[in-house]
Amino acid sequence: MMKPLKIRFCGFGGQGIILSAITLGTALVTKKGYYAVQTQSYGSEARGGQCQAELIVADEEIKSPHSDEKDVLVAMSQSALDRYVSDLKKGGVLIVDPTLVTEIPDVDARIIQVPATQTAVDLGNRIAANMVLLGFVQEATGIISKEDLLAAVEDLVKPQFMDINTRAIEAGIELAQGVNLEVIE
């Protein structure tokens, strides 16, 4: 039996934060049969304001859409990290994009820097940084297969973005080679 896995993606509007949580949650529900609850909040700005999405995944019914402590925090901006780092459980996993997060607080967590934005820029589209991080999370945790994650992406994004999203996920998988995040029990 798997204990609930609690992940928060955070950054600013326009980075695909909410899409990241929806995509991972959709893949886990439709391909693995897990239960999932996804919540989100964002500022009133169309782009650039605070944005976060929380995903709780379990192999049994989830009683509440909220959790006090997250197992994994994926931060794509400094202000989001500063705001949400206190919700990361002791011994949790903090994944940051070093292009946008330059000051990492002293926390009791495994800290992993993933150059998602630079990788996406190198691929030709900065906006795909969220998919780089999804590929990284997929490979490092093993919670879902690459094929199942890509199937969920295909169901959720417009066809013209599949090529860049696929390449971004594959780049994230490459960045995760040798990284083992034991967040699933």
C-alpha atoms as a PDB file:
ATOM      1  CA  MET A   1       0.000   0.000   0.000  1.00  0.00           C
ATOM      2  CA  MET A   2       1.271   3.446  -0.939  1.00  0.00           C
ATOM      3  CA  LYS A   3       1.030   6.306   1.503  1.00  0.00           C
ATOM      4  CA  PRO A   4      -0.385   9.475  -0.092  1.00  0.00           C
ATOM      5  CA  LEU A   5       2.205  11.381  -2.118  1.00  0.00           C
ATOM      6  CA  LYS A   6       1.868  15.154  -1.836  1.00  0.00           C
ATOM      7  CA  ILE A   7       3.499  17.327  -4.492  1.00  0.00           C
ATOM      8  CA  ARG A   8       3.330  21.090  -4.928  1.00  0.00           C
ATOM      9  CA  PHE A   9       4.382  22.804  -8.143  1.00  0.00           C
ATOM     10  CA  CYS A  10       4.864  26.542  -7.722  1.00  0.00           C
ATOM     11  CA  GLY A  11       6.072  29.495  -9.713  1.00  0.00           C
ATOM     12  CA  PHE A  12       4.379  32.301 -11.568  1.00  0.00           C
ATOM     13  CA  GLY A  13       1.501  32.413 -14.025  1.00  0.00           C
ATOM     14  CA  GLY A  14       2.457  31.461 -17.558  1.00  0.00           C
ATOM     15  CA  GLN A  15       4.986  28.765 -16.589  1.00  0.00           C
ATOM     16  CA  GLY A  16       2.571  25.856 -16.910  1.00  0.00           C
ATOM     17  CA  ILE A  17       2.461  25.184 -13.175  1.00  0.00           C
ATOM     18  CA  ILE A  18      -1.177  24.090 -13.144  1.00  0.00           C
ATOM     19  CA  LEU A  19      -0.761  22.071 -16.343  1.00  0.00           C
ATOM     20  CA  SER A  20       2.107  20.194 -14.678  1.00  0.00           C
ATOM     21  CA  ALA A  21      -0.063  19.044 -11.778  1.00  0.00           C
ATOM     22  CA  ILE A  22      -3.030  18.246 -14.019  1.00  0.00           C
ATOM     23  CA  THR A  23      -0.868  16.256 -16.424  1.00  0.00           C
ATOM     24  CA  LEU A  24       0.826  14.184 -13.742  1.00  0.00           C
ATOM     25  CA  GLY A  25      -2.462  13.624 -11.916  1.00  0.00           C
ATOM     26  CA  THR A  26      -4.259  12.626 -15.116  1.00  0.00           C
ATOM     27  CA  ALA A  27      -1.535  10.142 -16.012  1.00  0.00           C
ATOM     28  CA  LEU A  28      -1.618   8.569 -12.552  1.00  0.00           C
ATOM     29  CA  VAL A  29      -5.410   8.274 -12.500  1.00  0.00           C
ATOM     30  CA  THR A  30      -5.991   7.099 -16.066  1.00  0.00           C
ATOM     31  CA  LYS A  31      -2.912   4.916 -16.543  1.00  0.00           C
ATOM     32  CA  LYS A  32      -2.135   3.594 -13.047  1.00  0.00           C
ATOM     33  CA  GLY A  33      -5.554   3.598 -11.419  1.00  0.00           C
ATOM     34  CA  TYR A  34      -4.502   5.813  -8.516  1.00  0.00           C
ATOM     35  CA  TYR A  35      -6.760   8.294  -6.809  1.00  0.00           C
ATOM     36  CA  ALA A  36      -5.736  11.929  -7.121  1.00  0.00           C
ATOM     37  CA  VAL A  37      -6.861  15.325  -5.938  1.00  0.00           C
ATOM     38  CA  GLN A  38      -5.526  18.488  -7.535  1.00  0.00           C
ATOM     39  CA  THR A  39      -6.025  22.029  -6.256  1.00  0.00           C
ATOM     40  CA  GLN A  40      -4.636  25.296  -7.527  1.00  0.00           C
ATOM     41  CA  SER A  41      -4.413  28.975  -6.774  1.00  0.00           C
ATOM     42  CA  TYR A  42      -3.034  31.923  -8.650  1.00  0.00           C
ATOM     43  CA  GLY A  43      -2.947  35.687  -8.468  1.00  0.00           C
ATOM     44  CA  SER A  44      -5.364  37.894 -10.337  1.00  0.00           C
ATOM     45  CA  GLU A  45      -2.748  38.717 -12.972  1.00  0.00           C
ATOM     46  CA  ALA A  46      -3.101  36.864 -16.270  1.00  0.00           C
ATOM     47  CA  ARG A  47       0.637  36.113 -16.291  1.00  0.00           C
ATOM     48  CA  GLY A  48       3.430  36.757 -13.846  1.00  0.00           C
ATOM     49  CA  GLY A  49       1.531  36.484 -10.551  1.00  0.00           C
ATOM     50  CA  GLN A  50       1.993  33.787  -7.900  1.00  0.00           C
ATOM     51  CA  CYS A  51       0.775  30.380  -8.974  1.00  0.00           C
ATOM     52  CA  GLN A  52       0.730  26.999  -7.259  1.00  0.00           C
ATOM     53  CA  ALA A  53      -0.861  23.629  -7.840  1.00  0.00           C
ATOM     54  CA  GLU A  54      -0.986  20.832  -5.320  1.00  0.00           C
ATOM     55  CA  LEU A  55      -1.401  17.183  -6.247  1.00  0.00           C
ATOM     56  CA  ILE A  56      -2.180  14.413  -3.777  1.00  0.00           C
ATOM     57  CA  VAL A  57      -1.959  10.857  -5.101  1.00  0.00           C
ATOM     58  CA  ALA A  58      -2.817   7.621  -3.299  1.00  0.00           C
ATOM     59  CA  ASP A  59      -3.887   4.075  -3.989  1.00  0.00           C
ATOM     60  CA  GLU A  60      -7.006   4.545  -1.881  1.00  0.00           C
ATOM     61  CA  GLU A  61      -9.654   7.212  -1.576  1.00  0.00           C
ATOM     62  CA  ILE A  62      -8.310  10.624  -0.528  1.00  0.00           C
ATOM     63  CA  LYS A  63     -10.274  12.178   2.310  1.00  0.00           C
ATOM     64  CA  SER A  64      -9.132  15.806   1.981  1.00  0.00           C
ATOM     65  CA  PRO A  65      -7.914  17.958  -0.922  1.00  0.00           C
ATOM     66  CA  HIS A  66      -5.459  19.733   1.382  1.00  0.00           C
ATOM     67  CA  SER A  67      -2.294  18.607   3.099  1.00  0.00           C
ATOM     68  CA  ASP A  68      -0.177  20.521   5.587  1.00  0.00           C
ATOM     69  CA  GLU A  69       3.164  19.049   4.568  1.00  0.00           C
ATOM     70  CA  LYS A  70       4.314  18.271   1.042  1.00  0.00           C
ATOM     71  CA  ASP A  71       6.653  15.406   0.185  1.00  0.00           C
ATOM     72  CA  VAL A  72       7.948  17.202  -2.906  1.00  0.00           C
ATOM     73  CA  LEU A  73       8.120  20.912  -3.686  1.00  0.00           C
ATOM     74  CA  VAL A  74       8.949  21.910  -7.263  1.00  0.00           C
ATOM     75  CA  ALA A  75       9.792  25.630  -7.345  1.00  0.00           C
ATOM     76  CA  MET A  76      10.094  27.549 -10.593  1.00  0.00           C
ATOM     77  CA  SER A  77      10.511  31.019  -9.080  1.00  0.00           C
ATOM     78  CA  GLN A  78      12.224  32.560  -6.078  1.00  0.00           C
ATOM     79  CA  SER A  79       9.080  34.229  -4.724  1.00  0.00           C
ATOM     80  CA  ALA A  80       7.125  30.968  -4.928  1.00  0.00           C
ATOM     81  CA  LEU A  81       9.882  29.062  -3.156  1.00  0.00           C
ATOM     82  CA  ASP A  82      10.022  31.705  -0.432  1.00  0.00           C
ATOM     83  CA  ARG A  83       6.267  31.487   0.044  1.00  0.00           C
ATOM     84  CA  TYR A  84       5.822  27.702   0.020  1.00  0.00           C
ATOM     85  CA  VAL A  85       9.057  26.200   1.343  1.00  0.00           C
ATOM     86  CA  SER A  86       7.676  26.119   4.891  1.00  0.00           C
ATOM     87  CA  ASP A  87       5.107  23.531   3.714  1.00  0.00           C
ATOM     88  CA  LEU A  88       7.808  21.035   2.718  1.00  0.00           C
ATOM     89  CA  LYS A  89       8.048  18.179   5.195  1.00  0.00           C
ATOM     90  CA  LYS A  90      11.320  17.485   6.976  1.00  0.00           C
ATOM     91  CA  GLY A  91      13.328  15.108   4.856  1.00  0.00           C
ATOM     92  CA  GLY A  92      11.255  15.959   1.780  1.00  0.00           C
ATOM     93  CA  VAL A  93      12.501  16.737  -1.710  1.00  0.00           C
ATOM     94  CA  LEU A  94      12.996  20.282  -2.974  1.00  0.00           C
ATOM     95  CA  ILE A  95      13.428  20.624  -6.729  1.00  0.00           C
ATOM     96  CA  VAL A  96      14.385  24.084  -7.960  1.00  0.00           C
ATOM     97  CA  ASP A  97      15.169  25.660 -11.299  1.00  0.00           C
ATOM     98  CA  PRO A  98      18.493  27.465 -10.660  1.00  0.00           C
ATOM     99  CA  THR A  99      17.832  29.944 -13.466  1.00  0.00           C
ATOM    100  CA  LEU A 100      14.918  31.383 -11.484  1.00  0.00           C
ATOM    101  CA  VAL A 101      15.726  30.317  -7.909  1.00  0.00           C
ATOM    102  CA  THR A 102      19.028  31.763  -6.780  1.00  0.00           C
ATOM    103  CA  GLU A 103      18.678  31.693  -2.985  1.00  0.00           C
ATOM    104  CA  ILE A 104      17.888  28.324  -1.497  1.00  0.00           C
ATOM    105  CA  PRO A 105      16.989  28.493   2.188  1.00  0.00           C
ATOM    106  CA  ASP A 106      18.511  26.179   4.745  1.00  0.00           C
ATOM    107  CA  VAL A 107      15.943  23.386   4.899  1.00  0.00           C
ATOM    108  CA  ASP A 108      15.930  19.785   6.079  1.00  0.00           C
ATOM    109  CA  ALA A 109      15.331  18.371   2.600  1.00  0.00           C
ATOM    110  CA  ARG A 110      17.080  16.805  -0.329  1.00  0.00           C
ATOM    111  CA  ILE A 111      17.725  19.714  -2.690  1.00  0.00           C
ATOM    112  CA  ILE A 112      18.020  19.091  -6.406  1.00  0.00           C
ATOM    113  CA  GLN A 113      18.708  21.800  -8.939  1.00  0.00           C
ATOM    114  CA  VAL A 114      17.255  21.068 -12.364  1.00  0.00           C
ATOM    115  CA  PRO A 115      18.127  23.578 -15.104  1.00  0.00           C
ATOM    116  CA  ALA A 116      14.667  23.315 -16.643  1.00  0.00           C
ATOM    117  CA  THR A 117      14.427  26.837 -18.048  1.00  0.00           C
ATOM    118  CA  GLN A 118      17.863  26.736 -19.660  1.00  0.00           C
ATOM    119  CA  THR A 119      17.143  23.280 -21.047  1.00  0.00           C
ATOM    120  CA  ALA A 120      13.850  24.504 -22.523  1.00  0.00           C
ATOM    121  CA  VAL A 121      15.591  27.554 -24.030  1.00  0.00           C
ATOM    122  CA  ASP A 122      18.186  25.224 -25.567  1.00  0.00           C
ATOM    123  CA  LEU A 123      15.326  23.193 -27.056  1.00  0.00           C
ATOM    124  CA  GLY A 124      13.912  26.354 -28.604  1.00  0.00           C
ATOM    125  CA  ASN A 125      10.969  27.183 -26.333  1.00  0.00           C
ATOM    126  CA  ARG A 126      11.351  28.569 -22.809  1.00  0.00           C
ATOM    127  CA  ILE A 127       7.729  27.786 -22.018  1.00  0.00           C
ATOM    128  CA  ALA A 128       8.500  24.033 -22.051  1.00  0.00           C
ATOM    129  CA  ALA A 129      10.442  24.239 -18.767  1.00  0.00           C
ATOM    130  CA  ASN A 130       7.479  22.710 -16.928  1.00  0.00           C
ATOM    131  CA  MET A 131       7.652  19.656 -19.183  1.00  0.00           C
ATOM    132  CA  VAL A 132      11.397  19.336 -18.528  1.00  0.00           C
ATOM    133  CA  LEU A 133      10.541  19.190 -14.818  1.00  0.00           C
ATOM    134  CA  LEU A 134       7.753  16.659 -15.416  1.00  0.00           C
ATOM    135  CA  GLY A 135      10.181  14.421 -17.270  1.00  0.00           C
ATOM    136  CA  PHE A 136      12.646  14.791 -14.409  1.00  0.00           C
ATOM    137  CA  VAL A 137      10.015  13.921 -11.777  1.00  0.00           C
ATOM    138  CA  GLN A 138       8.789  10.952 -13.846  1.00  0.00           C
ATOM    139  CA  GLU A 139      12.261   9.460 -14.227  1.00  0.00           C
ATOM    140  CA  ALA A 140      13.530  10.230 -10.727  1.00  0.00           C
ATOM    141  CA  THR A 141      10.485   8.850  -8.924  1.00  0.00           C
ATOM    142  CA  GLY A 142       9.412   6.071 -11.274  1.00  0.00           C
ATOM    143  CA  ILE A 143       5.828   6.830 -10.289  1.00  0.00           C
ATOM    144  CA  ILE A 144       4.685   6.639 -13.918  1.00  0.00           C
ATOM    145  CA  SER A 145       6.219   5.476 -17.160  1.00  0.00           C
ATOM    146  CA  LYS A 146       7.422   7.898 -19.815  1.00  0.00           C
ATOM    147  CA  GLU A 147       4.860   6.449 -22.241  1.00  0.00           C
ATOM    148  CA  ASP A 148       1.977   7.015 -19.829  1.00  0.00           C
ATOM    149  CA  LEU A 149       3.125  10.566 -19.077  1.00  0.00           C
ATOM    150  CA  LEU A 150       3.390  11.349 -22.796  1.00  0.00           C
ATOM    151  CA  ALA A 151      -0.079   9.864 -23.387  1.00  0.00           C
ATOM    152  CA  ALA A 152      -1.502  12.242 -20.771  1.00  0.00           C
ATOM    153  CA  VAL A 153       0.322  15.188 -22.364  1.00  0.00           C
ATOM    154  CA  GLU A 154      -1.115  14.224 -25.740  1.00  0.00           C
ATOM    155  CA  ASP A 155      -4.616  14.205 -24.241  1.00  0.00           C
ATOM    156  CA  LEU A 156      -4.173  17.627 -22.619  1.00  0.00           C
ATOM    157  CA  VAL A 157      -2.181  19.852 -24.976  1.00  0.00           C
ATOM    158  CA  LYS A 158      -2.763  21.055 -28.500  1.00  0.00           C
ATOM    159  CA  PRO A 159      -1.178  18.871 -31.209  1.00  0.00           C
ATOM    160  CA  GLN A 160       1.147  21.653 -32.389  1.00  0.00           C
ATOM    161  CA  PHE A 161       2.882  21.584 -28.982  1.00  0.00           C
ATOM    162  CA  MET A 162       3.460  17.813 -28.799  1.00  0.00           C
ATOM    163  CA  ASP A 163       6.887  17.915 -30.437  1.00  0.00           C
ATOM    164  CA  ILE A 164       8.384  20.483 -28.048  1.00  0.00           C
ATOM    165  CA  ASN A 165       6.671  18.900 -25.041  1.00  0.00           C
ATOM    166  CA  THR A 166       7.949  15.443 -25.977  1.00  0.00           C
ATOM    167  CA  ARG A 167      11.478  16.733 -26.459  1.00  0.00           C
ATOM    168  CA  ALA A 168      11.269  18.626 -23.155  1.00  0.00           C
ATOM    169  CA  ILE A 169      10.089  15.547 -21.244  1.00  0.00           C
ATOM    170  CA  GLU A 170      12.873  13.484 -22.796  1.00  0.00           C
ATOM    171  CA  ALA A 171      15.418  16.159 -21.809  1.00  0.00           C
ATOM    172  CA  GLY A 172      14.091  16.085 -18.236  1.00  0.00           C
ATOM    173  CA  ILE A 173      14.449  12.312 -18.197  1.00  0.00           C
ATOM    174  CA  GLU A 174      18.073  12.686 -19.294  1.00  0.00           C
ATOM    175  CA  LEU A 175      18.702  15.195 -16.499  1.00  0.00           C
ATOM    176  CA  ALA A 176      17.305  12.676 -13.999  1.00  0.00           C
ATOM    177  CA  GLN A 177      19.628   9.831 -14.996  1.00  0.00           C
ATOM    178  CA  GLY A 178      21.126   8.433 -11.818  1.00  0.00           C
ATOM    179  CA  VAL A 179      18.778  10.389  -9.535  1.00  0.00           C
ATOM    180  CA  ASN A 180      16.529   8.266  -7.340  1.00  0.00           C
ATOM    181  CA  LEU A 181      13.842  10.060  -5.388  1.00  0.00           C
ATOM    182  CA  GLU A 182      12.376   7.538  -3.028  1.00  0.00           C
ATOM    183  CA  VAL A 183       9.146   9.382  -2.374  1.00  0.00           C
ATOM    184  CA  ILE A 184       6.867   6.401  -2.949  1.00  0.00           C
ATOM    185  CA  GLU A 185       6.598   3.750  -0.284  1.00  0.00           C
END
